[in-house]
Amino acid sequence: MEGGTVTPASAGELYFVFMDFDPEYERLRSNRSKNGDNGLDAYLSKKHDMLLERVLEPGTYTKRFSWVIVDGFGVEITKEQVTFHPFPTSPPLQFPGILFHKK
């Protein structure tokens, strides 16, 4: 799935980001229908965009795609940007710990 805020990265490499358990993701995924799929796509794209905007400086990354099947996304970032970011859970969007995995 394409979408979201895309900003130019400088000399980045593609990393995969996999999110921890999210009850809203699980609810939307289990209620899949034509409208449910669109809702899940929109929810994940927005959640992934908000996470990137929260942890990375604008103009330092490029979001390539969001995955619906695993609640994850691909992002081009530099090696220096790859760190573990713990987040407290807070509704409506939860950002539990994430880990960047190099492709």
C-alpha atoms as a PDB file:
ATOM      1  CA  MET A   1       0.000   0.000   0.000  1.00  0.00           C
ATOM      2  CA  GLU A   2       1.396   3.369  -0.956  1.00  0.00           C
ATOM      3  CA  GLY A   3       0.553   6.549   0.822  1.00  0.00           C
ATOM      4  CA  GLY A   4       1.333   8.939   3.564  1.00  0.00           C
ATOM      5  CA  THR A   5       3.792  11.718   3.937  1.00  0.00           C
ATOM      6  CA  VAL A   6       6.867  11.139   1.831  1.00  0.00           C
ATOM      7  CA  THR A   7       9.863  13.376   2.333  1.00  0.00           C
ATOM      8  CA  PRO A   8      13.247  13.111   0.627  1.00  0.00           C
ATOM      9  CA  ALA A   9      15.882  11.081   2.449  1.00  0.00           C
ATOM     10  CA  SER A  10      19.572  11.696   2.124  1.00  0.00           C
ATOM     11  CA  ALA A  11      21.729   8.624   1.432  1.00  0.00           C
ATOM     12  CA  GLY A  12      19.262   6.345   3.193  1.00  0.00           C
ATOM     13  CA  GLU A  13      18.867   2.599   3.093  1.00  0.00           C
ATOM     14  CA  LEU A  14      15.569   0.719   3.150  1.00  0.00           C
ATOM     15  CA  TYR A  15      14.534  -0.555   6.580  1.00  0.00           C
ATOM     16  CA  PHE A  16      11.447  -2.513   7.560  1.00  0.00           C
ATOM     17  CA  VAL A  17       9.565  -1.470  10.684  1.00  0.00           C
ATOM     18  CA  PHE A  18       7.263  -3.950  12.441  1.00  0.00           C
ATOM     19  CA  MET A  19       4.829  -2.695  15.059  1.00  0.00           C
ATOM     20  CA  ASP A  20       3.897  -4.449  18.304  1.00  0.00           C
ATOM     21  CA  PHE A  21       0.367  -5.574  19.146  1.00  0.00           C
ATOM     22  CA  ASP A  22      -2.304  -2.944  18.460  1.00  0.00           C
ATOM     23  CA  PRO A  23      -5.892  -3.816  19.466  1.00  0.00           C
ATOM     24  CA  GLU A  24      -7.407  -1.420  16.894  1.00  0.00           C
ATOM     25  CA  TYR A  25      -5.372  -3.033  14.094  1.00  0.00           C
ATOM     26  CA  GLU A  26      -6.556  -6.465  15.219  1.00  0.00           C
ATOM     27  CA  ARG A  27     -10.194  -5.281  15.368  1.00  0.00           C
ATOM     28  CA  LEU A  28     -10.086  -3.744  11.873  1.00  0.00           C
ATOM     29  CA  ARG A  29      -8.274  -6.749  10.439  1.00  0.00           C
ATOM     30  CA  SER A  30     -10.791  -9.211  11.856  1.00  0.00           C
ATOM     31  CA  ASN A  31     -13.727  -7.180  10.486  1.00  0.00           C
ATOM     32  CA  ARG A  32     -12.466  -7.056   6.902  1.00  0.00           C
ATOM     33  CA  SER A  33     -14.936  -6.179   4.222  1.00  0.00           C
ATOM     34  CA  LYS A  34     -14.645  -3.855   1.266  1.00  0.00           C
ATOM     35  CA  ASN A  35     -15.113  -0.892   3.602  1.00  0.00           C
ATOM     36  CA  GLY A  36     -13.119  -2.593   6.359  1.00  0.00           C
ATOM     37  CA  ASP A  37     -10.085  -2.982   4.103  1.00  0.00           C
ATOM     38  CA  ASN A  38     -10.163   0.719   3.264  1.00  0.00           C
ATOM     39  CA  GLY A  39     -10.518   1.538   6.959  1.00  0.00           C
ATOM     40  CA  LEU A  40      -7.563  -0.660   7.846  1.00  0.00           C
ATOM     41  CA  ASP A  41      -5.425   0.824   5.060  1.00  0.00           C
ATOM     42  CA  ALA A  42      -6.233   4.375   6.159  1.00  0.00           C
ATOM     43  CA  TYR A  43      -5.701   3.600   9.842  1.00  0.00           C
ATOM     44  CA  LEU A  44      -2.279   2.025   9.297  1.00  0.00           C
ATOM     45  CA  SER A  45      -1.050   4.646   6.852  1.00  0.00           C
ATOM     46  CA  LYS A  46      -1.984   7.423   9.267  1.00  0.00           C
ATOM     47  CA  LYS A  47      -0.494   5.569  12.263  1.00  0.00           C
ATOM     48  CA  HIS A  48       2.781   4.919  10.423  1.00  0.00           C
ATOM     49  CA  ASP A  49       2.983   8.523   9.160  1.00  0.00           C
ATOM     50  CA  MET A  50       2.370   9.908  12.653  1.00  0.00           C
ATOM     51  CA  LEU A  51       5.045   7.652  14.120  1.00  0.00           C
ATOM     52  CA  LEU A  52       7.626   8.740  11.557  1.00  0.00           C
ATOM     53  CA  GLU A  53       6.765  12.412  12.083  1.00  0.00           C
ATOM     54  CA  ARG A  54       7.164  11.928  15.825  1.00  0.00           C
ATOM     55  CA  VAL A  55      10.556  10.179  15.830  1.00  0.00           C
ATOM     56  CA  LEU A  56      12.378  11.515  12.758  1.00  0.00           C
ATOM     57  CA  GLU A  57      13.219  15.008  11.548  1.00  0.00           C
ATOM     58  CA  PRO A  58      11.271  16.187   8.488  1.00  0.00           C
ATOM     59  CA  GLY A  59      13.243  15.745   5.281  1.00  0.00           C
ATOM     60  CA  THR A  60      15.427  12.961   6.695  1.00  0.00           C
ATOM     61  CA  TYR A  61      13.384   9.937   5.591  1.00  0.00           C
ATOM     62  CA  THR A  62      11.232   8.540   2.809  1.00  0.00           C
ATOM     63  CA  LYS A  63       8.321   6.280   3.674  1.00  0.00           C
ATOM     64  CA  ARG A  64       8.052   3.740   0.838  1.00  0.00           C
ATOM     65  CA  PHE A  65       4.994   1.666   1.779  1.00  0.00           C
ATOM     66  CA  SER A  66       2.757   0.357   4.560  1.00  0.00           C
ATOM     67  CA  TRP A  67       1.901  -3.320   4.983  1.00  0.00           C
ATOM     68  CA  VAL A  68      -1.582  -4.221   6.093  1.00  0.00           C
ATOM     69  CA  ILE A  69      -0.952  -7.906   6.696  1.00  0.00           C
ATOM     70  CA  VAL A  70       1.746  -7.389   9.362  1.00  0.00           C
ATOM     71  CA  ASP A  71       1.250  -3.787  10.594  1.00  0.00           C
ATOM     72  CA  GLY A  72       4.573  -2.577   9.323  1.00  0.00           C
ATOM     73  CA  PHE A  73       6.154  -0.283   6.786  1.00  0.00           C
ATOM     74  CA  GLY A  74       9.277   0.384   4.744  1.00  0.00           C
ATOM     75  CA  VAL A  75      11.272   3.573   5.214  1.00  0.00           C
ATOM     76  CA  GLU A  76      14.533   4.882   3.793  1.00  0.00           C
ATOM     77  CA  ILE A  77      16.694   6.269   6.596  1.00  0.00           C
ATOM     78  CA  THR A  78      20.363   6.543   7.464  1.00  0.00           C
ATOM     79  CA  LYS A  79      22.219   4.095   9.673  1.00  0.00           C
ATOM     80  CA  GLU A  80      22.455   6.769  12.368  1.00  0.00           C
ATOM     81  CA  GLN A  81      18.669   7.013  12.562  1.00  0.00           C
ATOM     82  CA  VAL A  82      18.232   3.309  13.333  1.00  0.00           C
ATOM     83  CA  THR A  83      17.529   3.037  17.062  1.00  0.00           C
ATOM     84  CA  PHE A  84      15.001   1.484  19.388  1.00  0.00           C
ATOM     85  CA  HIS A  85      12.281   3.977  20.365  1.00  0.00           C
ATOM     86  CA  PRO A  86      10.078   2.992  23.323  1.00  0.00           C
ATOM     87  CA  PHE A  87       6.749   4.841  23.417  1.00  0.00           C
ATOM     88  CA  PRO A  88       4.178   4.891  26.165  1.00  0.00           C
ATOM     89  CA  THR A  89       0.826   3.598  25.008  1.00  0.00           C
ATOM     90  CA  SER A  90      -1.715   6.381  24.688  1.00  0.00           C
ATOM     91  CA  PRO A  91      -5.066   6.350  22.890  1.00  0.00           C
ATOM     92  CA  PRO A  92      -6.254   6.828  20.214  1.00  0.00           C
ATOM     93  CA  LEU A  93      -3.070   5.702  18.418  1.00  0.00           C
ATOM     94  CA  GLN A  94      -0.664   3.499  20.293  1.00  0.00           C
ATOM     95  CA  PHE A  95       3.061   3.558  19.616  1.00  0.00           C
ATOM     96  CA  PRO A  96       4.580   0.658  21.523  1.00  0.00           C
ATOM     97  CA  GLY A  97       8.274  -0.100  21.068  1.00  0.00           C
ATOM     98  CA  ILE A  98       9.383  -0.370  17.463  1.00  0.00           C
ATOM     99  CA  LEU A  99      12.483  -1.861  15.945  1.00  0.00           C
ATOM    100  CA  PHE A 100      13.940  -0.955  12.575  1.00  0.00           C
ATOM    101  CA  HIS A 101      15.175  -3.943  10.527  1.00  0.00           C
ATOM    102  CA  LYS A 102      17.513  -3.398   7.578  1.00  0.00           C
ATOM    103  CA  LYS A 103      16.341  -4.975   4.332  1.00  0.00           C
END
